[in-house]
């Protein structure tokens, strides 16, 4: 697949061939869904907790004697049937981690990138540079490159793009992400993917 390489003003400067094995791979909807569910599940902390009868305070004394009162027998005021009592069948700390083989995760990424490429949602720039590290400069550049669409901006490394990172931080419809950290959730959340040629090389090395 041949795509245009543009500069920050949206002008075509050259063309580049996207790797067929990554951007024209078979599209597996079920695999992308599984990878997305796995990522969302692994992000859960699982720290929710409720107290059982062993943990709730109080209730050590039998509220009344077993027989002779005419009332139902009770052993504790912290029984689940009492107000302010313990809880049963309620959440406790647990892990939501789901395992997925690396080959399947990479296949899901290739499927998502192929969908983006088929929709002409891949924007390749020659160099991702700004005249000044200002949010308005990045907003103007993204408006030129993708219009009103949301954008996932991939960078090959952090050190050389500090100004771009700071300039994108306050834009609600854009996100900066290292190409090494490319994931299925961000690919599906944003309309367009903007990357310099150096980030394309990183993706090719990781998924090729």
C-alpha atoms as a PDB file:
ATOM      1  CA  UNK A   1       0.000   0.000   0.000  1.00  0.00           C
ATOM      2  CA  UNK A   2       1.502   3.293  -1.119  1.00  0.00           C
ATOM      3  CA  UNK A   3       0.655   6.356   1.009  1.00  0.00           C
ATOM      4  CA  UNK A   4       1.693   9.979   0.776  1.00  0.00           C
ATOM      5  CA  UNK A   5       4.272  11.429   3.116  1.00  0.00           C
ATOM      6  CA  UNK A   6       3.323  14.999   4.036  1.00  0.00           C
ATOM      7  CA  UNK A   7       4.952  17.773   5.993  1.00  0.00           C
ATOM      8  CA  UNK A   8       3.404  19.585   8.964  1.00  0.00           C
ATOM      9  CA  UNK A   9       1.616  21.942   6.536  1.00  0.00           C
ATOM     10  CA  UNK A  10      -0.144  19.003   4.867  1.00  0.00           C
ATOM     11  CA  UNK A  11       1.842  19.236   1.639  1.00  0.00           C
ATOM     12  CA  UNK A  12       2.974  16.038  -0.048  1.00  0.00           C
ATOM     13  CA  UNK A  13       6.746  15.633  -0.065  1.00  0.00           C
ATOM     14  CA  UNK A  14       7.143  11.957  -1.040  1.00  0.00           C
ATOM     15  CA  UNK A  15       5.517   8.525  -0.813  1.00  0.00           C
ATOM     16  CA  UNK A  16       6.182   5.453   1.292  1.00  0.00           C
ATOM     17  CA  UNK A  17       5.199   1.822   0.935  1.00  0.00           C
ATOM     18  CA  UNK A  18       3.446   0.504   4.045  1.00  0.00           C
ATOM     19  CA  UNK A  19       4.508  -3.066   4.912  1.00  0.00           C
ATOM     20  CA  UNK A  20       1.958  -5.468   3.500  1.00  0.00           C
ATOM     21  CA  UNK A  21       2.292  -7.899   6.408  1.00  0.00           C
ATOM     22  CA  UNK A  22       1.223  -5.182   8.870  1.00  0.00           C
ATOM     23  CA  UNK A  23      -1.120  -2.822   7.040  1.00  0.00           C
ATOM     24  CA  UNK A  24      -2.758  -5.344   4.707  1.00  0.00           C
ATOM     25  CA  UNK A  25      -3.033  -8.244   7.106  1.00  0.00           C
ATOM     26  CA  UNK A  26      -6.178 -10.376   7.503  1.00  0.00           C
ATOM     27  CA  UNK A  27      -8.761  -8.616   9.675  1.00  0.00           C
ATOM     28  CA  UNK A  28      -9.897 -10.713  12.643  1.00  0.00           C
ATOM     29  CA  UNK A  29     -12.766  -8.957  14.423  1.00  0.00           C
ATOM     30  CA  UNK A  30     -12.989 -11.567  17.198  1.00  0.00           C
ATOM     31  CA  UNK A  31      -9.268 -11.328  17.871  1.00  0.00           C
ATOM     32  CA  UNK A  32      -9.389  -7.524  18.137  1.00  0.00           C
ATOM     33  CA  UNK A  33     -12.335  -7.807  20.521  1.00  0.00           C
ATOM     34  CA  UNK A  34     -10.503 -10.330  22.687  1.00  0.00           C
ATOM     35  CA  UNK A  35      -7.403  -8.152  22.832  1.00  0.00           C
ATOM     36  CA  UNK A  36      -9.493  -5.091  23.743  1.00  0.00           C
ATOM     37  CA  UNK A  37     -11.370  -6.928  26.508  1.00  0.00           C
ATOM     38  CA  UNK A  38      -8.075  -8.275  27.854  1.00  0.00           C
ATOM     39  CA  UNK A  39      -6.498  -4.815  27.994  1.00  0.00           C
ATOM     40  CA  UNK A  40      -9.508  -3.287  29.743  1.00  0.00           C
ATOM     41  CA  UNK A  41      -9.677  -6.174  32.219  1.00  0.00           C
ATOM     42  CA  UNK A  42      -5.960  -5.964  33.010  1.00  0.00           C
ATOM     43  CA  UNK A  43      -6.374  -2.271  33.796  1.00  0.00           C
ATOM     44  CA  UNK A  44      -8.810  -3.050  36.622  1.00  0.00           C
ATOM     45  CA  UNK A  45      -7.310  -2.815  40.106  1.00  0.00           C
ATOM     46  CA  UNK A  46      -9.657  -5.269  41.792  1.00  0.00           C
ATOM     47  CA  UNK A  47      -9.302  -3.523  45.177  1.00  0.00           C
ATOM     48  CA  UNK A  48     -13.024  -3.466  46.020  1.00  0.00           C
ATOM     49  CA  UNK A  49     -13.795  -5.144  49.332  1.00  0.00           C
ATOM     50  CA  UNK A  50     -16.696  -5.752  51.716  1.00  0.00           C
ATOM     51  CA  UNK A  51     -16.604  -7.179  55.224  1.00  0.00           C
ATOM     52  CA  UNK A  52     -17.784 -10.682  56.069  1.00  0.00           C
ATOM     53  CA  UNK A  53     -18.897 -11.903  59.501  1.00  0.00           C
ATOM     54  CA  UNK A  54     -15.269 -12.586  60.373  1.00  0.00           C
ATOM     55  CA  UNK A  55     -14.261  -8.983  59.653  1.00  0.00           C
ATOM     56  CA  UNK A  56     -17.114  -6.715  60.782  1.00  0.00           C
ATOM     57  CA  UNK A  57     -16.751  -5.220  64.275  1.00  0.00           C
ATOM     58  CA  UNK A  58     -19.169  -5.928  67.118  1.00  0.00           C
ATOM     59  CA  UNK A  59     -21.728  -8.660  67.528  1.00  0.00           C
ATOM     60  CA  UNK A  60     -19.685 -10.771  69.916  1.00  0.00           C
ATOM     61  CA  UNK A  61     -22.515 -11.131  72.416  1.00  0.00           C
ATOM     62  CA  UNK A  62     -25.659 -13.140  71.814  1.00  0.00           C
ATOM     63  CA  UNK A  63     -28.447 -10.504  71.706  1.00  0.00           C
ATOM     64  CA  UNK A  64     -30.930 -12.585  73.762  1.00  0.00           C
ATOM     65  CA  UNK A  65     -31.196 -16.052  75.135  1.00  0.00           C
ATOM     66  CA  UNK A  66     -31.968 -18.952  72.850  1.00  0.00           C
ATOM     67  CA  UNK A  67     -35.394 -19.872  74.217  1.00  0.00           C
ATOM     68  CA  UNK A  68     -38.297 -18.345  76.022  1.00  0.00           C
ATOM     69  CA  UNK A  69     -38.467 -14.868  74.500  1.00  0.00           C
ATOM     70  CA  UNK A  70     -40.883 -15.622  71.666  1.00  0.00           C
ATOM     71  CA  UNK A  71     -38.469 -14.103  69.195  1.00  0.00           C
ATOM     72  CA  UNK A  72     -36.431 -15.831  66.547  1.00  0.00           C
ATOM     73  CA  UNK A  73     -33.125 -17.216  67.726  1.00  0.00           C
ATOM     74  CA  UNK A  74     -30.165 -14.949  67.013  1.00  0.00           C
ATOM     75  CA  UNK A  75     -26.473 -15.419  67.649  1.00  0.00           C
ATOM     76  CA  UNK A  76     -25.067 -12.020  66.679  1.00  0.00           C
ATOM     77  CA  UNK A  77     -26.213  -8.497  65.870  1.00  0.00           C
ATOM     78  CA  UNK A  78     -23.750  -8.467  62.984  1.00  0.00           C
ATOM     79  CA  UNK A  79     -25.440 -11.285  61.099  1.00  0.00           C
ATOM     80  CA  UNK A  80     -26.097 -10.505  57.412  1.00  0.00           C
ATOM     81  CA  UNK A  81     -29.835 -10.369  58.126  1.00  0.00           C
ATOM     82  CA  UNK A  82     -29.386  -7.498  60.596  1.00  0.00           C
ATOM     83  CA  UNK A  83     -28.997  -3.811  59.783  1.00  0.00           C
ATOM     84  CA  UNK A  84     -25.331  -2.810  59.964  1.00  0.00           C
ATOM     85  CA  UNK A  85     -24.494  -6.465  59.688  1.00  0.00           C
ATOM     86  CA  UNK A  86     -21.952  -8.242  57.528  1.00  0.00           C
ATOM     87  CA  UNK A  87     -22.290  -8.867  53.784  1.00  0.00           C
ATOM     88  CA  UNK A  88     -22.437 -12.103  51.834  1.00  0.00           C
ATOM     89  CA  UNK A  89     -21.779 -12.824  48.155  1.00  0.00           C
ATOM     90  CA  UNK A  90     -20.247  -9.353  47.703  1.00  0.00           C
ATOM     91  CA  UNK A  91     -16.936  -8.294  46.083  1.00  0.00           C
ATOM     92  CA  UNK A  92     -13.532  -9.025  47.563  1.00  0.00           C
ATOM     93  CA  UNK A  93     -10.037  -8.208  46.257  1.00  0.00           C
ATOM     94  CA  UNK A  94      -9.226 -10.259  43.170  1.00  0.00           C
ATOM     95  CA  UNK A  95      -7.216 -10.129  39.982  1.00  0.00           C
ATOM     96  CA  UNK A  96      -8.961  -9.567  36.653  1.00  0.00           C
ATOM     97  CA  UNK A  97      -5.857 -10.372  34.597  1.00  0.00           C
ATOM     98  CA  UNK A  98      -6.504 -12.223  31.358  1.00  0.00           C
ATOM     99  CA  UNK A  99      -3.734 -13.999  29.510  1.00  0.00           C
ATOM    100  CA  UNK A 100      -3.323 -13.844  25.756  1.00  0.00           C
ATOM    101  CA  UNK A 101      -0.413 -15.202  23.712  1.00  0.00           C
ATOM    102  CA  UNK A 102       1.938 -12.639  22.212  1.00  0.00           C
ATOM    103  CA  UNK A 103       1.303 -13.863  18.672  1.00  0.00           C
ATOM    104  CA  UNK A 104      -2.429 -13.283  19.111  1.00  0.00           C
ATOM    105  CA  UNK A 105      -1.872  -9.802  20.552  1.00  0.00           C
ATOM    106  CA  UNK A 106       0.360  -8.831  17.637  1.00  0.00           C
ATOM    107  CA  UNK A 107      -2.111 -10.298  15.151  1.00  0.00           C
ATOM    108  CA  UNK A 108      -4.834  -8.135  16.725  1.00  0.00           C
ATOM    109  CA  UNK A 109      -2.637  -5.031  16.319  1.00  0.00           C
ATOM    110  CA  UNK A 110      -1.975  -5.883  12.681  1.00  0.00           C
ATOM    111  CA  UNK A 111      -5.713  -6.304  12.126  1.00  0.00           C
ATOM    112  CA  UNK A 112      -6.458  -2.911  13.696  1.00  0.00           C
ATOM    113  CA  UNK A 113      -3.732  -1.204  11.653  1.00  0.00           C
ATOM    114  CA  UNK A 114      -5.072  -2.853   8.497  1.00  0.00           C
ATOM    115  CA  UNK A 115      -8.528  -1.462   9.276  1.00  0.00           C
ATOM    116  CA  UNK A 116      -7.050   2.024   9.701  1.00  0.00           C
ATOM    117  CA  UNK A 117      -5.100   1.712   6.456  1.00  0.00           C
ATOM    118  CA  UNK A 118      -8.184   0.524   4.568  1.00  0.00           C
ATOM    119  CA  UNK A 119     -10.067   3.586   5.861  1.00  0.00           C
ATOM    120  CA  UNK A 120      -7.228   5.945   4.811  1.00  0.00           C
ATOM    121  CA  UNK A 121      -6.762   6.812   8.467  1.00  0.00           C
ATOM    122  CA  UNK A 122      -2.960   6.515   8.473  1.00  0.00           C
ATOM    123  CA  UNK A 123      -1.179   9.882   8.146  1.00  0.00           C
ATOM    124  CA  UNK A 124       2.586   9.718   7.652  1.00  0.00           C
ATOM    125  CA  UNK A 125       4.633  12.883   8.112  1.00  0.00           C
ATOM    126  CA  UNK A 126       8.265  13.337   7.190  1.00  0.00           C
ATOM    127  CA  UNK A 127       9.164  14.997  10.486  1.00  0.00           C
ATOM    128  CA  UNK A 128       7.044  15.742  13.529  1.00  0.00           C
ATOM    129  CA  UNK A 129       8.332  19.175  14.468  1.00  0.00           C
ATOM    130  CA  UNK A 130       6.845  22.417  15.775  1.00  0.00           C
ATOM    131  CA  UNK A 131       8.163  25.986  15.536  1.00  0.00           C
ATOM    132  CA  UNK A 132       7.606  26.312  19.289  1.00  0.00           C
ATOM    133  CA  UNK A 133       6.409  24.042  22.078  1.00  0.00           C
ATOM    134  CA  UNK A 134       2.942  25.572  22.262  1.00  0.00           C
ATOM    135  CA  UNK A 135      -0.437  23.841  22.360  1.00  0.00           C
ATOM    136  CA  UNK A 136      -1.821  26.150  19.674  1.00  0.00           C
ATOM    137  CA  UNK A 137       0.921  25.109  17.244  1.00  0.00           C
ATOM    138  CA  UNK A 138       0.123  21.420  17.722  1.00  0.00           C
ATOM    139  CA  UNK A 139      -3.600  22.117  17.439  1.00  0.00           C
ATOM    140  CA  UNK A 140      -3.062  23.951  14.141  1.00  0.00           C
ATOM    141  CA  UNK A 141      -0.866  21.146  12.802  1.00  0.00           C
ATOM    142  CA  UNK A 142      -3.374  18.425  13.710  1.00  0.00           C
ATOM    143  CA  UNK A 143      -6.217  20.455  12.240  1.00  0.00           C
ATOM    144  CA  UNK A 144      -4.253  20.609   8.980  1.00  0.00           C
ATOM    145  CA  UNK A 145      -3.381  16.907   9.010  1.00  0.00           C
ATOM    146  CA  UNK A 146      -6.619  15.274  10.247  1.00  0.00           C
ATOM    147  CA  UNK A 147      -9.235  18.038  10.371  1.00  0.00           C
ATOM    148  CA  UNK A 148     -11.836  17.575  13.106  1.00  0.00           C
ATOM    149  CA  UNK A 149     -10.981  13.901  13.657  1.00  0.00           C
ATOM    150  CA  UNK A 150      -9.324  12.666  16.825  1.00  0.00           C
ATOM    151  CA  UNK A 151      -5.685  11.674  16.424  1.00  0.00           C
ATOM    152  CA  UNK A 152      -3.324   9.160  17.960  1.00  0.00           C
ATOM    153  CA  UNK A 153       0.177  10.565  17.452  1.00  0.00           C
ATOM    154  CA  UNK A 154       2.923   7.934  17.502  1.00  0.00           C
ATOM    155  CA  UNK A 155       6.509   8.932  18.240  1.00  0.00           C
ATOM    156  CA  UNK A 156       9.601   6.715  17.993  1.00  0.00           C
ATOM    157  CA  UNK A 157      11.255   7.984  21.182  1.00  0.00           C
ATOM    158  CA  UNK A 158      10.609  10.360  24.041  1.00  0.00           C
ATOM    159  CA  UNK A 159      13.804  12.422  24.273  1.00  0.00           C
ATOM    160  CA  UNK A 160      13.643  14.103  20.863  1.00  0.00           C
ATOM    161  CA  UNK A 161       9.917  14.889  21.099  1.00  0.00           C
ATOM    162  CA  UNK A 162       9.587  16.586  24.501  1.00  0.00           C
ATOM    163  CA  UNK A 163       8.145  19.747  22.918  1.00  0.00           C
ATOM    164  CA  UNK A 164       5.574  17.772  20.931  1.00  0.00           C
ATOM    165  CA  UNK A 165       4.584  15.839  24.060  1.00  0.00           C
ATOM    166  CA  UNK A 166       4.043  19.017  26.072  1.00  0.00           C
ATOM    167  CA  UNK A 167       2.158  20.660  23.209  1.00  0.00           C
ATOM    168  CA  UNK A 168      -0.280  17.741  22.888  1.00  0.00           C
ATOM    169  CA  UNK A 169      -0.936  17.203  26.594  1.00  0.00           C
ATOM    170  CA  UNK A 170      -3.905  19.598  26.803  1.00  0.00           C
ATOM    171  CA  UNK A 171      -5.588  18.639  23.530  1.00  0.00           C
ATOM    172  CA  UNK A 172      -8.746  16.632  24.311  1.00  0.00           C
ATOM    173  CA  UNK A 173      -8.921  14.851  20.949  1.00  0.00           C
ATOM    174  CA  UNK A 174      -5.257  13.877  20.638  1.00  0.00           C
ATOM    175  CA  UNK A 175      -2.849  11.596  22.440  1.00  0.00           C
ATOM    176  CA  UNK A 176       0.898  11.075  22.220  1.00  0.00           C
ATOM    177  CA  UNK A 177       2.083   7.477  22.434  1.00  0.00           C
ATOM    178  CA  UNK A 178       5.437   5.804  21.999  1.00  0.00           C
ATOM    179  CA  UNK A 179       5.353   3.484  19.001  1.00  0.00           C
ATOM    180  CA  UNK A 180       6.722   0.693  21.211  1.00  0.00           C
ATOM    181  CA  UNK A 181       3.608   1.007  23.393  1.00  0.00           C
ATOM    182  CA  UNK A 182       1.092   0.736  20.558  1.00  0.00           C
ATOM    183  CA  UNK A 183      -2.026  -1.010  21.858  1.00  0.00           C
ATOM    184  CA  UNK A 184      -5.425  -2.080  20.614  1.00  0.00           C
ATOM    185  CA  UNK A 185      -7.419   0.262  22.849  1.00  0.00           C
ATOM    186  CA  UNK A 186      -5.792   3.462  21.605  1.00  0.00           C
ATOM    187  CA  UNK A 187      -5.978   2.289  18.000  1.00  0.00           C
ATOM    188  CA  UNK A 188      -9.716   1.756  18.281  1.00  0.00           C
ATOM    189  CA  UNK A 189     -10.418   4.915  20.310  1.00  0.00           C
ATOM    190  CA  UNK A 190      -8.958   7.447  17.858  1.00  0.00           C
ATOM    191  CA  UNK A 191     -10.083   8.182  14.313  1.00  0.00           C
ATOM    192  CA  UNK A 192      -6.666   8.828  12.753  1.00  0.00           C
ATOM    193  CA  UNK A 193      -3.117   7.644  13.371  1.00  0.00           C
ATOM    194  CA  UNK A 194      -0.385  10.236  12.779  1.00  0.00           C
ATOM    195  CA  UNK A 195       3.218   9.058  12.721  1.00  0.00           C
ATOM    196  CA  UNK A 196       6.580  10.246  11.444  1.00  0.00           C
ATOM    197  CA  UNK A 197       8.663   7.954   9.264  1.00  0.00           C
ATOM    198  CA  UNK A 198      10.837   7.029  12.239  1.00  0.00           C
ATOM    199  CA  UNK A 199       7.780   5.716  14.131  1.00  0.00           C
ATOM    200  CA  UNK A 200       6.786   3.680  11.095  1.00  0.00           C
ATOM    201  CA  UNK A 201      10.199   2.008  11.240  1.00  0.00           C
ATOM    202  CA  UNK A 202       9.621   1.105  14.897  1.00  0.00           C
ATOM    203  CA  UNK A 203       6.217  -0.427  14.141  1.00  0.00           C
ATOM    204  CA  UNK A 204       7.688  -2.382  11.232  1.00  0.00           C
ATOM    205  CA  UNK A 205      10.430  -3.731  13.475  1.00  0.00           C
ATOM    206  CA  UNK A 206       7.984  -4.780  16.207  1.00  0.00           C
ATOM    207  CA  UNK A 207       5.163  -6.235  14.117  1.00  0.00           C
ATOM    208  CA  UNK A 208       6.833  -7.153  10.844  1.00  0.00           C
END
